[in-house]
Amino acid sequence: MEKAVIYEVLATAEQVTELKRLIELFAIPEETSQKWLDKCNCEGFEDMQSDVIQKCIDSLHKKLQGVAA
């Protein structure tokens, strides 16, 4: 019996840059960003799956829109 191969699409350089920018903008504590990494068993944002890092970015964008409103 063969298992299906599941490919992981890792975060793009643009996603990593955007997340780091938003973390700095909102002064997100290092403990919080480390929790994100720990949750997905990653050592760095570059190791995160693309869809996971995008959820973090989207969440921070919503927070940014709330501040701008």
PDB file of N, CA and C in Angstrom:
ATOM      1  N   MET A   1       0.842  -1.168   0.000  1.00  0.00           N
ATOM      2  CA  MET A   1       0.000   0.000   0.000  1.00  0.00           C
ATOM      3  C   MET A   1       0.895   1.242   0.000  1.00  0.00           C
ATOM      4  N   GLU A   2       0.636   2.161  -0.897  1.00  0.00           N
ATOM      5  CA  GLU A   2       1.420   3.383  -0.986  1.00  0.00           C
ATOM      6  C   GLU A   2       0.666   4.547  -0.377  1.00  0.00           C
ATOM      7  N   LYS A   3       1.415   5.436   0.237  1.00  0.00           N
ATOM      8  CA  LYS A   3       0.822   6.652   0.787  1.00  0.00           C
ATOM      9  C   LYS A   3       0.917   7.760  -0.248  1.00  0.00           C
ATOM     10  N   ALA A   4      -0.060   8.624  -0.232  1.00  0.00           N
ATOM     11  CA  ALA A   4      -0.040   9.764  -1.133  1.00  0.00           C
ATOM     12  C   ALA A   4       1.045  10.740  -0.684  1.00  0.00           C
ATOM     13  N   VAL A   5       1.714  11.307  -1.642  1.00  0.00           N
ATOM     14  CA  VAL A   5       2.749  12.287  -1.351  1.00  0.00           C
ATOM     15  C   VAL A   5       2.092  13.650  -1.176  1.00  0.00           C
ATOM     16  N   ILE A   6       2.424  14.289  -0.089  1.00  0.00           N
ATOM     17  CA  ILE A   6       1.886  15.621   0.185  1.00  0.00           C
ATOM     18  C   ILE A   6       3.048  16.606   0.123  1.00  0.00           C
ATOM     19  N   TYR A   7       2.945  17.537  -0.797  1.00  0.00           N
ATOM     20  CA  TYR A   7       3.981  18.539  -0.947  1.00  0.00           C
ATOM     21  C   TYR A   7       3.664  19.752  -0.084  1.00  0.00           C
ATOM     22  N   GLU A   8       4.670  20.241   0.600  1.00  0.00           N
ATOM     23  CA  GLU A   8       4.518  21.446   1.400  1.00  0.00           C
ATOM     24  C   GLU A   8       5.061  22.624   0.609  1.00  0.00           C
ATOM     25  N   VAL A   9       4.265  23.651   0.509  1.00  0.00           N
ATOM     26  CA  VAL A   9       4.717  24.870  -0.152  1.00  0.00           C
ATOM     27  C   VAL A   9       5.172  25.809   0.945  1.00  0.00           C
ATOM     28  N   LEU A  10       6.462  26.102   0.941  1.00  0.00           N
ATOM     29  CA  LEU A  10       7.015  26.946   1.990  1.00  0.00           C
ATOM     30  C   LEU A  10       6.771  28.421   1.698  1.00  0.00           C
ATOM     31  N   ALA A  11       6.902  29.215   2.736  1.00  0.00           N
ATOM     32  CA  ALA A  11       6.702  30.662   2.635  1.00  0.00           C
ATOM     33  C   ALA A  11       7.653  31.256   1.602  1.00  0.00           C
ATOM     34  N   THR A  12       7.146  32.247   0.888  1.00  0.00           N
ATOM     35  CA  THR A  12       7.986  32.961  -0.077  1.00  0.00           C
ATOM     36  C   THR A  12       8.802  34.014   0.664  1.00  0.00           C
ATOM     37  N   ALA A  13       9.827  34.513   0.012  1.00  0.00           N
ATOM     38  CA  ALA A  13      10.644  35.572   0.600  1.00  0.00           C
ATOM     39  C   ALA A  13       9.795  36.812   0.872  1.00  0.00           C
ATOM     40  N   GLU A  14       8.843  37.071  -0.018  1.00  0.00           N
ATOM     41  CA  GLU A  14       7.965  38.231   0.155  1.00  0.00           C
ATOM     42  C   GLU A  14       7.087  38.079   1.389  1.00  0.00           C
ATOM     43  N   GLN A  15       6.567  36.870   1.615  1.00  0.00           N
ATOM     44  CA  GLN A  15       5.738  36.623   2.793  1.00  0.00           C
ATOM     45  C   GLN A  15       6.549  36.803   4.075  1.00  0.00           C
ATOM     46  N   VAL A  16       7.750  36.289   4.087  1.00  0.00           N
ATOM     47  CA  VAL A  16       8.619  36.402   5.258  1.00  0.00           C
ATOM     48  C   VAL A  16       8.923  37.873   5.542  1.00  0.00           C
ATOM     49  N   THR A  17       9.259  38.617   4.495  1.00  0.00           N
ATOM     50  CA  THR A  17       9.558  40.045   4.645  1.00  0.00           C
ATOM     51  C   THR A  17       8.350  40.798   5.174  1.00  0.00           C
ATOM     52  N   GLU A  18       7.162  40.514   4.635  1.00  0.00           N
ATOM     53  CA  GLU A  18       5.941  41.201   5.060  1.00  0.00           C
ATOM     54  C   GLU A  18       5.614  40.870   6.514  1.00  0.00           C
ATOM     55  N   LEU A  19       5.735  39.618   6.900  1.00  0.00           N
ATOM     56  CA  LEU A  19       5.436  39.250   8.278  1.00  0.00           C
ATOM     57  C   LEU A  19       6.402  39.931   9.236  1.00  0.00           C
ATOM     58  N   LYS A  20       7.672  39.943   8.903  1.00  0.00           N
ATOM     59  CA  LYS A  20       8.661  40.601   9.759  1.00  0.00           C
ATOM     60  C   LYS A  20       8.373  42.105   9.865  1.00  0.00           C
ATOM     61  N   ARG A  21       7.944  42.723   8.771  1.00  0.00           N
ATOM     62  CA  ARG A  21       7.608  44.147   8.774  1.00  0.00           C
ATOM     63  C   ARG A  21       6.433  44.403   9.711  1.00  0.00           C
ATOM     64  N   LEU A  22       5.410  43.569   9.619  1.00  0.00           N
ATOM     65  CA  LEU A  22       4.230  43.731  10.462  1.00  0.00           C
ATOM     66  C   LEU A  22       4.541  43.466  11.936  1.00  0.00           C
ATOM     67  N   ILE A  23       5.380  42.499  12.203  1.00  0.00           N
ATOM     68  CA  ILE A  23       5.787  42.207  13.580  1.00  0.00           C
ATOM     69  C   ILE A  23       6.494  43.417  14.171  1.00  0.00           C
ATOM     70  N   GLU A  24       7.361  44.033  13.392  1.00  0.00           N
ATOM     71  CA  GLU A  24       8.064  45.227  13.860  1.00  0.00           C
ATOM     72  C   GLU A  24       7.094  46.398  14.023  1.00  0.00           C
ATOM     73  N   LEU A  25       6.192  46.575  13.068  1.00  0.00           N
ATOM     74  CA  LEU A  25       5.228  47.668  13.099  1.00  0.00           C
ATOM     75  C   LEU A  25       4.360  47.620  14.357  1.00  0.00           C
ATOM     76  N   PHE A  26       3.902  46.432  14.708  1.00  0.00           N
ATOM     77  CA  PHE A  26       3.029  46.267  15.861  1.00  0.00           C
ATOM     78  C   PHE A  26       3.791  45.950  17.148  1.00  0.00           C
ATOM     79  N   ALA A  27       5.099  45.902  17.060  1.00  0.00           N
ATOM     80  CA  ALA A  27       5.938  45.581  18.217  1.00  0.00           C
ATOM     81  C   ALA A  27       5.459  44.291  18.889  1.00  0.00           C
ATOM     82  N   ILE A  28       5.248  43.278  18.050  1.00  0.00           N
ATOM     83  CA  ILE A  28       4.828  41.963  18.555  1.00  0.00           C
ATOM     84  C   ILE A  28       5.974  41.392  19.392  1.00  0.00           C
ATOM     85  N   PRO A  29       5.689  40.990  20.622  1.00  0.00           N
ATOM     86  CA  PRO A  29       6.747  40.426  21.478  1.00  0.00           C
ATOM     87  C   PRO A  29       7.363  39.171  20.850  1.00  0.00           C
ATOM     88  N   GLU A  30       8.635  38.995  21.100  1.00  0.00           N
ATOM     89  CA  GLU A  30       9.344  37.826  20.566  1.00  0.00           C
ATOM     90  C   GLU A  30       8.708  36.531  21.045  1.00  0.00           C
ATOM     91  N   GLU A  31       8.162  36.545  22.262  1.00  0.00           N
ATOM     92  CA  GLU A  31       7.518  35.342  22.794  1.00  0.00           C
ATOM     93  C   GLU A  31       6.328  34.944  21.926  1.00  0.00           C
ATOM     94  N   THR A  32       5.601  35.929  21.431  1.00  0.00           N
ATOM     95  CA  THR A  32       4.427  35.655  20.591  1.00  0.00           C
ATOM     96  C   THR A  32       4.849  35.067  19.259  1.00  0.00           C
ATOM     97  N   SER A  33       5.821  35.688  18.617  1.00  0.00           N
ATOM     98  CA  SER A  33       6.265  35.154  17.327  1.00  0.00           C
ATOM     99  C   SER A  33       6.904  33.781  17.500  1.00  0.00           C
ATOM    100  N   GLN A  34       7.544  33.542  18.630  1.00  0.00           N
ATOM    101  CA  GLN A  34       8.121  32.222  18.888  1.00  0.00           C
ATOM    102  C   GLN A  34       7.031  31.174  19.072  1.00  0.00           C
ATOM    103  N   LYS A  35       5.913  31.572  19.678  1.00  0.00           N
ATOM    104  CA  LYS A  35       4.779  30.650  19.823  1.00  0.00           C
ATOM    105  C   LYS A  35       4.256  30.239  18.456  1.00  0.00           C
ATOM    106  N   TRP A  36       4.202  31.202  17.522  1.00  0.00           N
ATOM    107  CA  TRP A  36       3.757  30.885  16.158  1.00  0.00           C
ATOM    108  C   TRP A  36       4.672  29.841  15.536  1.00  0.00           C
ATOM    109  N   LEU A  37       5.979  30.044  15.715  1.00  0.00           N
ATOM    110  CA  LEU A  37       6.951  29.104  15.153  1.00  0.00           C
ATOM    111  C   LEU A  37       6.850  27.739  15.825  1.00  0.00           C
ATOM    112  N   ASP A  38       6.723  27.749  17.146  1.00  0.00           N
ATOM    113  CA  ASP A  38       6.618  26.485  17.884  1.00  0.00           C
ATOM    114  C   ASP A  38       5.378  25.699  17.467  1.00  0.00           C
ATOM    115  N   LYS A  39       4.281  26.421  17.234  1.00  0.00           N
ATOM    116  CA  LYS A  39       3.016  25.774  16.880  1.00  0.00           C
ATOM    117  C   LYS A  39       3.133  24.976  15.582  1.00  0.00           C
ATOM    118  N   CYS A  40       3.932  25.479  14.664  1.00  0.00           N
ATOM    119  CA  CYS A  40       4.078  24.769  13.383  1.00  0.00           C
ATOM    120  C   CYS A  40       5.430  24.048  13.277  1.00  0.00           C
ATOM    121  N   ASN A  41       6.095  23.885  14.428  1.00  0.00           N
ATOM    122  CA  ASN A  41       7.369  23.158  14.476  1.00  0.00           C
ATOM    123  C   ASN A  41       8.399  23.708  13.496  1.00  0.00           C
ATOM    124  N   CYS A  42       8.545  25.024  13.491  1.00  0.00           N
ATOM    125  CA  CYS A  42       9.485  25.689  12.591  1.00  0.00           C
ATOM    126  C   CYS A  42      10.546  26.425  13.397  1.00  0.00           C
ATOM    127  N   GLU A  43      11.744  26.496  12.826  1.00  0.00           N
ATOM    128  CA  GLU A  43      12.811  27.238  13.473  1.00  0.00           C
ATOM    129  C   GLU A  43      12.805  28.702  13.051  1.00  0.00           C
ATOM    130  N   GLY A  44      12.295  28.979  11.873  1.00  0.00           N
ATOM    131  CA  GLY A  44      12.245  30.344  11.363  1.00  0.00           C
ATOM    132  C   GLY A  44      11.045  30.513  10.464  1.00  0.00           C
ATOM    133  N   PHE A  45      10.707  31.766  10.170  1.00  0.00           N
ATOM    134  CA  PHE A  45       9.543  32.026   9.321  1.00  0.00           C
ATOM    135  C   PHE A  45       9.724  31.439   7.921  1.00  0.00           C
ATOM    136  N   GLU A  46      10.958  31.313   7.495  1.00  0.00           N
ATOM    137  CA  GLU A  46      11.245  30.737   6.180  1.00  0.00           C
ATOM    138  C   GLU A  46      10.804  29.286   6.085  1.00  0.00           C
ATOM    139  N   ASP A  47      10.707  28.625   7.251  1.00  0.00           N
ATOM    140  CA  ASP A  47      10.330  27.213   7.296  1.00  0.00           C
ATOM    141  C   ASP A  47       8.821  26.991   7.364  1.00  0.00           C
ATOM    142  N   MET A  48       8.063  28.071   7.547  1.00  0.00           N
ATOM    143  CA  MET A  48       6.609  27.944   7.660  1.00  0.00           C
ATOM    144  C   MET A  48       5.993  27.616   6.306  1.00  0.00           C
ATOM    145  N   GLN A  49       4.879  26.919   6.345  1.00  0.00           N
ATOM    146  CA  GLN A  49       4.138  26.662   5.119  1.00  0.00           C
ATOM    147  C   GLN A  49       3.524  27.973   4.651  1.00  0.00           C
ATOM    148  N   SER A  50       3.404  28.105   3.358  1.00  0.00           N
ATOM    149  CA  SER A  50       2.899  29.340   2.758  1.00  0.00           C
ATOM    150  C   SER A  50       1.520  29.721   3.279  1.00  0.00           C
ATOM    151  N   ASP A  51       0.622  28.754   3.396  1.00  0.00           N
ATOM    152  CA  ASP A  51      -0.733  29.077   3.855  1.00  0.00           C
ATOM    153  C   ASP A  51      -0.762  29.487   5.322  1.00  0.00           C
ATOM    154  N   VAL A  52       0.133  28.931   6.136  1.00  0.00           N
ATOM    155  CA  VAL A  52       0.188  29.263   7.558  1.00  0.00           C
ATOM    156  C   VAL A  52       0.717  30.683   7.752  1.00  0.00           C
ATOM    157  N   ILE A  53       1.798  31.014   7.076  1.00  0.00           N
ATOM    158  CA  ILE A  53       2.354  32.361   7.223  1.00  0.00           C
ATOM    159  C   ILE A  53       1.380  33.401   6.664  1.00  0.00           C
ATOM    160  N   GLN A  54       0.635  33.026   5.627  1.00  0.00           N
ATOM    161  CA  GLN A  54      -0.343  33.958   5.050  1.00  0.00           C
ATOM    162  C   GLN A  54      -1.459  34.256   6.045  1.00  0.00           C
ATOM    163  N   LYS A  55      -1.850  33.264   6.832  1.00  0.00           N
ATOM    164  CA  LYS A  55      -2.869  33.492   7.861  1.00  0.00           C
ATOM    165  C   LYS A  55      -2.366  34.487   8.904  1.00  0.00           C
ATOM    166  N   CYS A  56      -1.107  34.391   9.269  1.00  0.00           N
ATOM    167  CA  CYS A  56      -0.518  35.341  10.218  1.00  0.00           C
ATOM    168  C   CYS A  56      -0.520  36.744   9.615  1.00  0.00           C
ATOM    169  N   ILE A  57      -0.121  36.850   8.355  1.00  0.00           N
ATOM    170  CA  ILE A  57      -0.083  38.137   7.667  1.00  0.00           C
ATOM    171  C   ILE A  57      -1.482  38.728   7.572  1.00  0.00           C
ATOM    172  N   ASP A  58      -2.439  37.911   7.167  1.00  0.00           N
ATOM    173  CA  ASP A  58      -3.825  38.391   7.030  1.00  0.00           C
ATOM    174  C   ASP A  58      -4.367  38.884   8.367  1.00  0.00           C
ATOM    175  N   SER A  59      -4.068  38.164   9.425  1.00  0.00           N
ATOM    176  CA  SER A  59      -4.528  38.549  10.754  1.00  0.00           C
ATOM    177  C   SER A  59      -3.954  39.914  11.154  1.00  0.00           C
ATOM    178  N   LEU A  60      -2.679  40.121  10.883  1.00  0.00           N
ATOM    179  CA  LEU A  60      -2.055  41.397  11.223  1.00  0.00           C
ATOM    180  C   LEU A  60      -2.547  42.515  10.317  1.00  0.00           C
ATOM    181  N   HIS A  61      -2.847  42.204   9.062  1.00  0.00           N
ATOM    182  CA  HIS A  61      -3.422  43.217   8.154  1.00  0.00           C
ATOM    183  C   HIS A  61      -4.793  43.665   8.668  1.00  0.00           C
ATOM    184  N   LYS A  62      -5.588  42.721   9.164  1.00  0.00           N
ATOM    185  CA  LYS A  62      -6.896  43.078   9.718  1.00  0.00           C
ATOM    186  C   LYS A  62      -6.719  43.975  10.936  1.00  0.00           C
ATOM    187  N   LYS A  63      -5.725  43.680  11.744  1.00  0.00           N
ATOM    188  CA  LYS A  63      -5.436  44.506  12.903  1.00  0.00           C
ATOM    189  C   LYS A  63      -5.029  45.914  12.446  1.00  0.00           C
ATOM    190  N   LEU A  64      -4.242  45.978  11.383  1.00  0.00           N
ATOM    191  CA  LEU A  64      -3.807  47.263  10.837  1.00  0.00           C
ATOM    192  C   LEU A  64      -4.998  48.063  10.315  1.00  0.00           C
ATOM    193  N   GLN A  65      -5.922  47.408   9.641  1.00  0.00           N
ATOM    194  CA  GLN A  65      -7.110  48.080   9.135  1.00  0.00           C
ATOM    195  C   GLN A  65      -7.975  48.588  10.286  1.00  0.00           C
ATOM    196  N   GLY A  66      -8.021  47.852  11.367  1.00  0.00           N
ATOM    197  CA  GLY A  66      -8.772  48.276  12.538  1.00  0.00           C
ATOM    198  C   GLY A  66      -8.174  49.520  13.169  1.00  0.00           C
ATOM    199  N   VAL A  67      -6.858  49.620  13.156  1.00  0.00           N
ATOM    200  CA  VAL A  67      -6.164  50.777  13.707  1.00  0.00           C
ATOM    201  C   VAL A  67      -6.381  51.989  12.807  1.00  0.00           C
ATOM    202  N   ALA A  68      -6.381  51.768  11.485  1.00  0.00           N
ATOM    203  CA  ALA A  68      -6.525  52.865  10.527  1.00  0.00           C
ATOM    204  C   ALA A  68      -7.942  53.407  10.482  1.00  0.00           C
ATOM    205  N   ALA A  69      -8.906  52.596  10.875  1.00  0.00           N
ATOM    206  CA  ALA A  69     -10.318  53.019  10.794  1.00  0.00           C
ATOM    207  C   ALA A  69     -10.697  54.021  11.846  1.00  0.00           C
TER     208      ALA A  69
END
